[in-house]
Amino acid sequence: MNDLDETFAALADPTRRRVIELLRAGPHRSSELAARAGTTRPAMGRHLKVLRASGLVHVEMLADDARGRVYSLRAEEFVALQAWLDQVHAFWSEQLGHFKAHAEKRR
């Protein structure tokens, strides 16, 4: 559950959710993400640090540029998040099904 807590904490910020949306289209450099998210490079660096720590984002160093880093999504963390959401959805679907059966029986 701790990993899930970190995932939700990382996704609580709207800028970080925007970064996730941008990375869904493919890998990007930090400067590209900052420009498209409307934030400064230092601020984007802090957001990317949180996303990396939560495991949602992977960074790769470019071979031809020692300072170049490209960020991409890590699908396995989203699979874990989706599994938890599916469990919550199944619980509420079952509860609503029981409520519907109860309400129809009372008619």
N, C-alpha and C. Protein backbone atom coordinates (compact mmCIF):
# COMPACT_ATOMS: atom_id res chain seq x y z
N MET A 1 0.82 -1.20 0.00
CA MET A 1 0.00 0.00 0.00
C MET A 1 0.86 1.26 0.00
N ASN A 2 2.08 1.18 0.54
CA ASN A 2 2.96 2.33 0.58
C ASN A 2 3.26 2.85 -0.82
N ASP A 3 3.49 1.95 -1.78
CA ASP A 3 3.73 2.38 -3.15
C ASP A 3 2.52 3.12 -3.69
N LEU A 4 1.33 2.63 -3.36
CA LEU A 4 0.11 3.28 -3.82
C LEU A 4 -0.04 4.66 -3.19
N ASP A 5 0.35 4.79 -1.92
CA ASP A 5 0.32 6.09 -1.27
C ASP A 5 1.22 7.09 -1.99
N GLU A 6 2.42 6.63 -2.36
CA GLU A 6 3.35 7.50 -3.09
C GLU A 6 2.79 7.86 -4.46
N THR A 7 2.13 6.91 -5.09
CA THR A 7 1.52 7.18 -6.40
C THR A 7 0.46 8.26 -6.29
N PHE A 8 -0.43 8.12 -5.31
CA PHE A 8 -1.49 9.13 -5.13
C PHE A 8 -0.90 10.48 -4.74
N ALA A 9 0.12 10.48 -3.89
CA ALA A 9 0.75 11.75 -3.50
C ALA A 9 1.36 12.43 -4.71
N ALA A 10 2.01 11.64 -5.58
CA ALA A 10 2.62 12.21 -6.78
C ALA A 10 1.55 12.76 -7.72
N LEU A 11 0.43 12.06 -7.83
CA LEU A 11 -0.63 12.47 -8.76
C LEU A 11 -1.54 13.56 -8.18
N ALA A 12 -1.34 13.92 -6.92
CA ALA A 12 -2.18 14.95 -6.30
C ALA A 12 -1.94 16.33 -6.88
N ASP A 13 -0.79 16.53 -7.47
CA ASP A 13 -0.45 17.85 -8.01
C ASP A 13 -0.88 17.95 -9.47
N PRO A 14 -1.60 19.02 -9.85
CA PRO A 14 -2.07 19.15 -11.23
C PRO A 14 -0.94 19.24 -12.27
N THR A 15 0.17 19.84 -11.90
CA THR A 15 1.29 19.91 -12.85
C THR A 15 1.84 18.52 -13.12
N ARG A 16 1.94 17.69 -12.09
CA ARG A 16 2.45 16.34 -12.30
C ARG A 16 1.47 15.50 -13.11
N ARG A 17 0.17 15.72 -12.90
CA ARG A 17 -0.81 15.01 -13.75
C ARG A 17 -0.67 15.46 -15.20
N ARG A 18 -0.38 16.73 -15.42
CA ARG A 18 -0.15 17.24 -16.78
C ARG A 18 1.08 16.60 -17.40
N VAL A 19 2.13 16.42 -16.61
CA VAL A 19 3.34 15.75 -17.10
C VAL A 19 3.00 14.32 -17.53
N ILE A 20 2.21 13.63 -16.73
CA ILE A 20 1.80 12.27 -17.08
C ILE A 20 1.05 12.28 -18.41
N GLU A 21 0.14 13.23 -18.58
CA GLU A 21 -0.60 13.34 -19.85
C GLU A 21 0.36 13.57 -21.02
N LEU A 22 1.33 14.45 -20.84
CA LEU A 22 2.29 14.74 -21.90
C LEU A 22 3.13 13.52 -22.24
N LEU A 23 3.53 12.77 -21.21
CA LEU A 23 4.37 11.60 -21.43
C LEU A 23 3.60 10.42 -22.04
N ARG A 24 2.28 10.47 -21.96
CA ARG A 24 1.48 9.43 -22.62
C ARG A 24 1.72 9.44 -24.12
N ALA A 25 2.05 10.60 -24.67
CA ALA A 25 2.30 10.73 -26.11
C ALA A 25 3.69 10.23 -26.48
N GLY A 26 4.57 10.08 -25.49
CA GLY A 26 5.92 9.61 -25.76
C GLY A 26 6.93 10.31 -24.88
N PRO A 27 8.18 9.86 -24.93
CA PRO A 27 9.24 10.45 -24.10
C PRO A 27 9.49 11.92 -24.44
N HIS A 28 9.89 12.68 -23.42
CA HIS A 28 10.19 14.11 -23.58
C HIS A 28 11.37 14.48 -22.70
N ARG A 29 12.06 15.53 -23.11
CA ARG A 29 13.08 16.14 -22.27
C ARG A 29 12.40 17.01 -21.22
N SER A 30 13.12 17.27 -20.15
CA SER A 30 12.60 18.10 -19.07
C SER A 30 12.22 19.49 -19.57
N SER A 31 13.06 20.07 -20.41
CA SER A 31 12.78 21.42 -20.92
C SER A 31 11.51 21.45 -21.76
N GLU A 32 11.27 20.40 -22.52
CA GLU A 32 10.04 20.30 -23.32
C GLU A 32 8.82 20.21 -22.40
N LEU A 33 8.95 19.40 -21.36
CA LEU A 33 7.84 19.25 -20.41
C LEU A 33 7.55 20.56 -19.71
N ALA A 34 8.60 21.28 -19.31
CA ALA A 34 8.42 22.56 -18.63
C ALA A 34 7.70 23.55 -19.54
N ALA A 35 8.12 23.63 -20.79
CA ALA A 35 7.50 24.57 -21.73
C ALA A 35 6.04 24.22 -21.97
N ARG A 36 5.75 22.95 -22.17
CA ARG A 36 4.38 22.54 -22.48
C ARG A 36 3.47 22.58 -21.27
N ALA A 37 4.04 22.44 -20.07
CA ALA A 37 3.23 22.49 -18.84
C ALA A 37 3.13 23.92 -18.29
N GLY A 38 3.88 24.85 -18.90
CA GLY A 38 3.82 26.25 -18.47
C GLY A 38 4.48 26.49 -17.12
N THR A 39 5.59 25.83 -16.89
CA THR A 39 6.31 26.01 -15.63
C THR A 39 7.79 26.24 -15.92
N THR A 40 8.52 26.62 -14.90
CA THR A 40 9.96 26.85 -15.08
C THR A 40 10.71 25.51 -15.09
N ARG A 41 11.93 25.56 -15.60
CA ARG A 41 12.75 24.33 -15.62
C ARG A 41 13.07 23.83 -14.20
N PRO A 42 13.44 24.73 -13.27
CA PRO A 42 13.70 24.24 -11.91
C PRO A 42 12.45 23.61 -11.26
N ALA A 43 11.30 24.23 -11.48
CA ALA A 43 10.06 23.66 -10.93
C ALA A 43 9.77 22.31 -11.56
N MET A 44 10.00 22.19 -12.86
CA MET A 44 9.77 20.91 -13.53
C MET A 44 10.72 19.86 -12.99
N GLY A 45 11.94 20.25 -12.70
CA GLY A 45 12.90 19.32 -12.12
C GLY A 45 12.40 18.75 -10.80
N ARG A 46 11.79 19.61 -9.98
CA ARG A 46 11.24 19.14 -8.70
C ARG A 46 10.06 18.20 -8.92
N HIS A 47 9.20 18.52 -9.89
CA HIS A 47 8.06 17.65 -10.19
C HIS A 47 8.54 16.29 -10.71
N LEU A 48 9.53 16.31 -11.58
CA LEU A 48 10.05 15.05 -12.13
C LEU A 48 10.73 14.22 -11.05
N LYS A 49 11.35 14.86 -10.08
CA LYS A 49 11.97 14.13 -8.97
C LYS A 49 10.90 13.37 -8.18
N VAL A 50 9.78 14.00 -7.93
CA VAL A 50 8.68 13.33 -7.22
C VAL A 50 8.13 12.18 -8.04
N LEU A 51 7.94 12.41 -9.34
CA LEU A 51 7.42 11.35 -10.21
C LEU A 51 8.39 10.18 -10.32
N ARG A 52 9.68 10.46 -10.34
CA ARG A 52 10.68 9.38 -10.36
C ARG A 52 10.65 8.60 -9.05
N ALA A 53 10.58 9.31 -7.94
CA ALA A 53 10.58 8.66 -6.62
C ALA A 53 9.36 7.76 -6.44
N SER A 54 8.25 8.14 -7.04
CA SER A 54 7.03 7.33 -6.94
C SER A 54 7.06 6.14 -7.90
N GLY A 55 8.01 6.15 -8.82
CA GLY A 55 8.12 5.06 -9.78
C GLY A 55 7.28 5.23 -11.02
N LEU A 56 6.59 6.36 -11.16
CA LEU A 56 5.72 6.58 -12.31
C LEU A 56 6.49 6.94 -13.57
N VAL A 57 7.67 7.53 -13.39
CA VAL A 57 8.46 8.04 -14.51
C VAL A 57 9.87 7.46 -14.46
N HIS A 58 10.38 7.18 -15.62
CA HIS A 58 11.75 6.66 -15.79
C HIS A 58 12.56 7.71 -16.54
N VAL A 59 13.81 7.86 -16.15
CA VAL A 59 14.70 8.81 -16.83
C VAL A 59 15.81 8.02 -17.50
N GLU A 60 16.15 8.45 -18.70
CA GLU A 60 17.22 7.82 -19.46
C GLU A 60 18.19 8.91 -19.91
N MET A 61 19.46 8.65 -19.72
CA MET A 61 20.50 9.59 -20.14
C MET A 61 20.76 9.39 -21.63
N LEU A 62 20.93 10.49 -22.33
CA LEU A 62 21.23 10.41 -23.75
C LEU A 62 22.72 10.13 -23.97
N ALA A 63 23.02 9.25 -24.90
CA ALA A 63 24.41 8.88 -25.17
C ALA A 63 25.21 10.03 -25.77
N ASP A 64 24.55 10.84 -26.61
CA ASP A 64 25.26 11.90 -27.31
C ASP A 64 25.29 13.24 -26.57
N ASP A 65 24.61 13.32 -25.41
CA ASP A 65 24.55 14.56 -24.65
C ASP A 65 24.61 14.22 -23.17
N ALA A 66 25.71 14.52 -22.52
CA ALA A 66 25.92 14.15 -21.12
C ALA A 66 24.88 14.77 -20.18
N ARG A 67 24.33 15.92 -20.56
CA ARG A 67 23.32 16.57 -19.72
C ARG A 67 21.91 16.23 -20.16
N GLY A 68 21.77 15.60 -21.29
CA GLY A 68 20.45 15.30 -21.82
C GLY A 68 19.78 14.13 -21.13
N ARG A 69 18.57 14.34 -20.72
CA ARG A 69 17.77 13.30 -20.08
C ARG A 69 16.40 13.26 -20.73
N VAL A 70 15.93 12.06 -20.96
CA VAL A 70 14.61 11.88 -21.55
C VAL A 70 13.75 11.12 -20.56
N TYR A 71 12.56 11.61 -20.34
CA TYR A 71 11.64 11.02 -19.38
C TYR A 71 10.54 10.26 -20.10
N SER A 72 10.15 9.13 -19.51
CA SER A 72 9.06 8.32 -20.07
C SER A 72 8.29 7.69 -18.92
N LEU A 73 7.10 7.19 -19.23
CA LEU A 73 6.25 6.55 -18.22
C LEU A 73 6.70 5.12 -17.95
N ARG A 74 6.47 4.66 -16.74
CA ARG A 74 6.72 3.27 -16.35
C ARG A 74 5.36 2.60 -16.20
N ALA A 75 5.02 1.78 -17.16
CA ALA A 75 3.68 1.18 -17.23
C ALA A 75 3.33 0.34 -16.01
N GLU A 76 4.31 -0.35 -15.43
CA GLU A 76 4.00 -1.27 -14.33
C GLU A 76 3.38 -0.57 -13.13
N GLU A 77 3.76 0.67 -12.87
CA GLU A 77 3.16 1.41 -11.75
C GLU A 77 1.71 1.75 -12.03
N PHE A 78 1.38 1.99 -13.27
CA PHE A 78 0.00 2.29 -13.62
C PHE A 78 -0.86 1.03 -13.59
N VAL A 79 -0.25 -0.13 -13.85
CA VAL A 79 -0.96 -1.40 -13.75
C VAL A 79 -1.38 -1.63 -12.30
N ALA A 80 -0.49 -1.36 -11.36
CA ALA A 80 -0.81 -1.51 -9.93
C ALA A 80 -1.92 -0.55 -9.52
N LEU A 81 -1.85 0.67 -10.00
CA LEU A 81 -2.89 1.65 -9.70
C LEU A 81 -4.23 1.20 -10.27
N GLN A 82 -4.24 0.72 -11.50
CA GLN A 82 -5.47 0.25 -12.14
C GLN A 82 -6.05 -0.95 -11.40
N ALA A 83 -5.19 -1.84 -10.92
CA ALA A 83 -5.66 -3.01 -10.16
C ALA A 83 -6.38 -2.57 -8.89
N TRP A 84 -5.84 -1.58 -8.21
CA TRP A 84 -6.49 -1.08 -6.99
C TRP A 84 -7.82 -0.42 -7.34
N LEU A 85 -7.83 0.38 -8.39
CA LEU A 85 -9.08 1.04 -8.81
C LEU A 85 -10.13 0.01 -9.21
N ASP A 86 -9.72 -1.06 -9.86
CA ASP A 86 -10.65 -2.13 -10.24
C ASP A 86 -11.26 -2.77 -9.00
N GLN A 87 -10.46 -2.97 -7.95
CA GLN A 87 -10.98 -3.54 -6.71
C GLN A 87 -12.02 -2.62 -6.07
N VAL A 88 -11.72 -1.33 -6.04
CA VAL A 88 -12.66 -0.36 -5.47
C VAL A 88 -13.95 -0.34 -6.30
N HIS A 89 -13.81 -0.35 -7.61
CA HIS A 89 -14.97 -0.35 -8.49
C HIS A 89 -15.82 -1.60 -8.28
N ALA A 90 -15.17 -2.74 -8.17
CA ALA A 90 -15.90 -4.00 -7.95
C ALA A 90 -16.66 -3.96 -6.63
N PHE A 91 -16.04 -3.43 -5.59
CA PHE A 91 -16.70 -3.32 -4.29
C PHE A 91 -17.97 -2.48 -4.40
N TRP A 92 -17.86 -1.30 -5.01
CA TRP A 92 -19.03 -0.41 -5.09
C TRP A 92 -20.09 -0.95 -6.04
N SER A 93 -19.67 -1.62 -7.08
CA SER A 93 -20.65 -2.24 -7.97
C SER A 93 -21.45 -3.30 -7.24
N GLU A 94 -20.77 -4.09 -6.42
CA GLU A 94 -21.44 -5.13 -5.63
C GLU A 94 -22.40 -4.49 -4.62
N GLN A 95 -21.94 -3.44 -3.93
CA GLN A 95 -22.78 -2.76 -2.95
C GLN A 95 -24.03 -2.16 -3.61
N LEU A 96 -23.84 -1.53 -4.74
CA LEU A 96 -24.99 -0.94 -5.44
C LEU A 96 -25.93 -2.02 -5.96
N GLY A 97 -25.39 -3.16 -6.37
CA GLY A 97 -26.22 -4.28 -6.80
C GLY A 97 -27.07 -4.79 -5.66
N HIS A 98 -26.49 -4.91 -4.46
CA HIS A 98 -27.25 -5.34 -3.28
C HIS A 98 -28.33 -4.32 -2.94
N PHE A 99 -27.99 -3.04 -3.02
CA PHE A 99 -28.96 -1.99 -2.73
C PHE A 99 -30.12 -2.03 -3.72
N LYS A 100 -29.81 -2.22 -5.00
CA LYS A 100 -30.85 -2.31 -6.03
C LYS A 100 -31.77 -3.49 -5.75
N ALA A 101 -31.19 -4.64 -5.42
CA ALA A 101 -32.00 -5.83 -5.12
C ALA A 101 -32.89 -5.58 -3.91
N HIS A 102 -32.34 -4.92 -2.91
CA HIS A 102 -33.12 -4.61 -1.71
C HIS A 102 -34.27 -3.64 -2.05
N ALA A 103 -33.98 -2.61 -2.82
CA ALA A 103 -35.00 -1.62 -3.17
C ALA A 103 -36.10 -2.25 -4.03
N GLU A 104 -35.73 -3.13 -4.94
CA GLU A 104 -36.73 -3.78 -5.79
C GLU A 104 -37.57 -4.76 -5.01
N LYS A 105 -36.99 -5.39 -4.01
CA LYS A 105 -37.74 -6.34 -3.18
C LYS A 105 -38.78 -5.62 -2.32
N ARG A 106 -38.49 -4.41 -1.92
CA ARG A 106 -39.40 -3.64 -1.07
C ARG A 106 -40.60 -3.12 -1.84
N ARG A 107 -40.50 -3.09 -3.18
CA ARG A 107 -41.63 -2.59 -3.99
C ARG A 107 -42.73 -3.54 -3.86
